[in-house]
Amino acid sequence: MKNDTTTSLLTFVLAILVVAGVVFAYLTMTRTSALRKMQPILQNQLQSVQVVSGRAQALLGDVITYNNTAKSPELQQIIQFAQTPAQPAAK
């Protein structure tokens, strides 16, 4: 063959691409497996956060009700702070 170096080079490149494909497939499988294992844990954490948020909202409602009868300026400041939406962090 007169283009033996070209054929060898292309075969080598093909072998590298095949090995890279196998490595990427393995990484995808392991990461998918890890994400599936973490999913129940994350769902439990999300449920806990939702419970705490519900309790905090109920407490805020109670504080607002109490402040309507007691008219405390300190409570009014706390209520205003709690009802103000959080500003996103600047990048």
C-alpha atoms as a PDB file:
ATOM      1  CA  MET A   1       0.000   0.000   0.000  1.00  0.00           C
ATOM      2  CA  LYS A   2       1.316   3.393  -0.871  1.00  0.00           C
ATOM      3  CA  ASN A   3      -0.708   5.299   1.792  1.00  0.00           C
ATOM      4  CA  ASP A   4       0.219   3.072   4.703  1.00  0.00           C
ATOM      5  CA  THR A   5       0.917   6.017   7.062  1.00  0.00           C
ATOM      6  CA  THR A   6      -2.416   7.666   6.256  1.00  0.00           C
ATOM      7  CA  THR A   7      -4.283   4.420   6.849  1.00  0.00           C
ATOM      8  CA  SER A   8      -2.441   3.857  10.124  1.00  0.00           C
ATOM      9  CA  LEU A   9      -3.152   7.403  11.269  1.00  0.00           C
ATOM     10  CA  LEU A  10      -6.856   7.144  10.461  1.00  0.00           C
ATOM     11  CA  THR A  11      -7.061   3.752  12.215  1.00  0.00           C
ATOM     12  CA  PHE A  12      -5.392   5.249  15.279  1.00  0.00           C
ATOM     13  CA  VAL A  13      -7.817   8.204  15.306  1.00  0.00           C
ATOM     14  CA  LEU A  14     -10.745   5.804  14.958  1.00  0.00           C
ATOM     15  CA  ALA A  15      -9.458   3.718  17.874  1.00  0.00           C
ATOM     16  CA  ILE A  16      -9.136   6.831  20.054  1.00  0.00           C
ATOM     17  CA  LEU A  17     -12.686   7.897  19.190  1.00  0.00           C
ATOM     18  CA  VAL A  18     -14.029   4.428  20.004  1.00  0.00           C
ATOM     19  CA  VAL A  19     -12.260   4.433  23.376  1.00  0.00           C
ATOM     20  CA  ALA A  20     -13.568   7.953  24.103  1.00  0.00           C
ATOM     21  CA  GLY A  21     -17.102   6.832  23.225  1.00  0.00           C
ATOM     22  CA  VAL A  22     -16.847   3.868  25.607  1.00  0.00           C
ATOM     23  CA  VAL A  23     -15.514   6.107  28.390  1.00  0.00           C
ATOM     24  CA  PHE A  24     -18.309   8.660  27.908  1.00  0.00           C
ATOM     25  CA  ALA A  25     -20.933   5.904  27.880  1.00  0.00           C
ATOM     26  CA  TYR A  26     -19.547   4.502  31.146  1.00  0.00           C
ATOM     27  CA  LEU A  27     -19.508   7.955  32.769  1.00  0.00           C
ATOM     28  CA  THR A  28     -23.091   8.556  31.680  1.00  0.00           C
ATOM     29  CA  MET A  29     -24.222   5.238  33.151  1.00  0.00           C
ATOM     30  CA  THR A  30     -22.511   5.828  36.503  1.00  0.00           C
ATOM     31  CA  ARG A  31     -23.785   9.400  36.829  1.00  0.00           C
ATOM     32  CA  THR A  32     -27.323   8.359  35.929  1.00  0.00           C
ATOM     33  CA  SER A  33     -27.164   5.635  38.553  1.00  0.00           C
ATOM     34  CA  ALA A  34     -25.928   8.119  41.165  1.00  0.00           C
ATOM     35  CA  LEU A  35     -28.722  10.565  40.330  1.00  0.00           C
ATOM     36  CA  ARG A  36     -31.332   7.830  40.637  1.00  0.00           C
ATOM     37  CA  LYS A  37     -29.965   6.906  44.061  1.00  0.00           C
ATOM     38  CA  MET A  38     -30.069  10.554  45.201  1.00  0.00           C
ATOM     39  CA  GLN A  39     -33.614  11.207  44.001  1.00  0.00           C
ATOM     40  CA  PRO A  40     -35.443   9.799  47.090  1.00  0.00           C
ATOM     41  CA  ILE A  41     -33.092  11.702  49.396  1.00  0.00           C
ATOM     42  CA  LEU A  42     -33.730  14.956  47.549  1.00  0.00           C
ATOM     43  CA  GLN A  43     -37.484  14.358  47.599  1.00  0.00           C
ATOM     44  CA  ASN A  44     -37.375  13.879  51.379  1.00  0.00           C
ATOM     45  CA  GLN A  45     -35.372  17.076  51.790  1.00  0.00           C
ATOM     46  CA  LEU A  46     -37.810  18.978  49.578  1.00  0.00           C
ATOM     47  CA  GLN A  47     -40.734  17.689  51.623  1.00  0.00           C
ATOM     48  CA  SER A  48     -38.998  18.807  54.836  1.00  0.00           C
ATOM     49  CA  VAL A  49     -38.410  22.275  53.393  1.00  0.00           C
ATOM     50  CA  GLN A  50     -42.059  22.512  52.361  1.00  0.00           C
ATOM     51  CA  VAL A  51     -43.202  21.541  55.871  1.00  0.00           C
ATOM     52  CA  VAL A  52     -40.945  24.149  57.474  1.00  0.00           C
ATOM     53  CA  SER A  53     -42.108  26.766  54.976  1.00  0.00           C
ATOM     54  CA  GLY A  54     -45.747  25.978  55.758  1.00  0.00           C
ATOM     55  CA  ARG A  55     -45.085  26.327  59.473  1.00  0.00           C
ATOM     56  CA  ALA A  56     -43.305  29.640  58.921  1.00  0.00           C
ATOM     57  CA  GLN A  57     -46.215  30.934  56.813  1.00  0.00           C
ATOM     58  CA  ALA A  58     -48.680  29.882  59.531  1.00  0.00           C
ATOM     59  CA  LEU A  59     -46.583  31.625  62.174  1.00  0.00           C
ATOM     60  CA  LEU A  60     -46.428  34.769  60.038  1.00  0.00           C
ATOM     61  CA  GLY A  61     -50.212  34.695  59.707  1.00  0.00           C
ATOM     62  CA  ASP A  62     -50.546  34.412  63.479  1.00  0.00           C
ATOM     63  CA  VAL A  63     -48.120  37.303  63.985  1.00  0.00           C
ATOM     64  CA  ILE A  64     -50.084  39.465  61.541  1.00  0.00           C
ATOM     65  CA  THR A  65     -53.320  38.648  63.351  1.00  0.00           C
ATOM     66  CA  TYR A  66     -51.766  39.449  66.717  1.00  0.00           C
ATOM     67  CA  ASN A  67     -50.281  42.689  65.382  1.00  0.00           C
ATOM     68  CA  ASN A  68     -53.718  43.810  64.190  1.00  0.00           C
ATOM     69  CA  THR A  69     -54.856  43.756  67.828  1.00  0.00           C
ATOM     70  CA  ALA A  70     -51.620  44.832  69.601  1.00  0.00           C
ATOM     71  CA  LYS A  71     -50.241  47.365  67.063  1.00  0.00           C
ATOM     72  CA  SER A  72     -46.557  46.884  67.856  1.00  0.00           C
ATOM     73  CA  PRO A  73     -44.095  48.888  65.701  1.00  0.00           C
ATOM     74  CA  GLU A  74     -41.420  46.230  66.222  1.00  0.00           C
ATOM     75  CA  LEU A  75     -43.753  43.509  64.974  1.00  0.00           C
ATOM     76  CA  GLN A  76     -44.719  45.702  62.031  1.00  0.00           C
ATOM     77  CA  GLN A  77     -41.053  45.938  61.015  1.00  0.00           C
ATOM     78  CA  ILE A  78     -40.641  42.151  61.325  1.00  0.00           C
ATOM     79  CA  ILE A  79     -43.778  41.586  59.245  1.00  0.00           C
ATOM     80  CA  GLN A  80     -42.595  43.984  56.540  1.00  0.00           C
ATOM     81  CA  PHE A  81     -39.227  42.247  56.447  1.00  0.00           C
ATOM     82  CA  ALA A  82     -40.834  38.792  56.255  1.00  0.00           C
ATOM     83  CA  GLN A  83     -43.246  39.810  53.487  1.00  0.00           C
ATOM     84  CA  THR A  84     -40.592  41.478  51.322  1.00  0.00           C
ATOM     85  CA  PRO A  85     -39.526  39.083  48.542  1.00  0.00           C
ATOM     86  CA  ALA A  86     -35.872  38.093  48.647  1.00  0.00           C
ATOM     87  CA  GLN A  87     -33.667  39.880  46.166  1.00  0.00           C
ATOM     88  CA  PRO A  88     -31.658  37.584  43.881  1.00  0.00           C
ATOM     89  CA  ALA A  89     -27.923  37.641  44.481  1.00  0.00           C
ATOM     90  CA  ALA A  90     -25.997  39.912  42.141  1.00  0.00           C
ATOM     91  CA  LYS A  91     -23.551  38.157  39.861  1.00  0.00           C
END
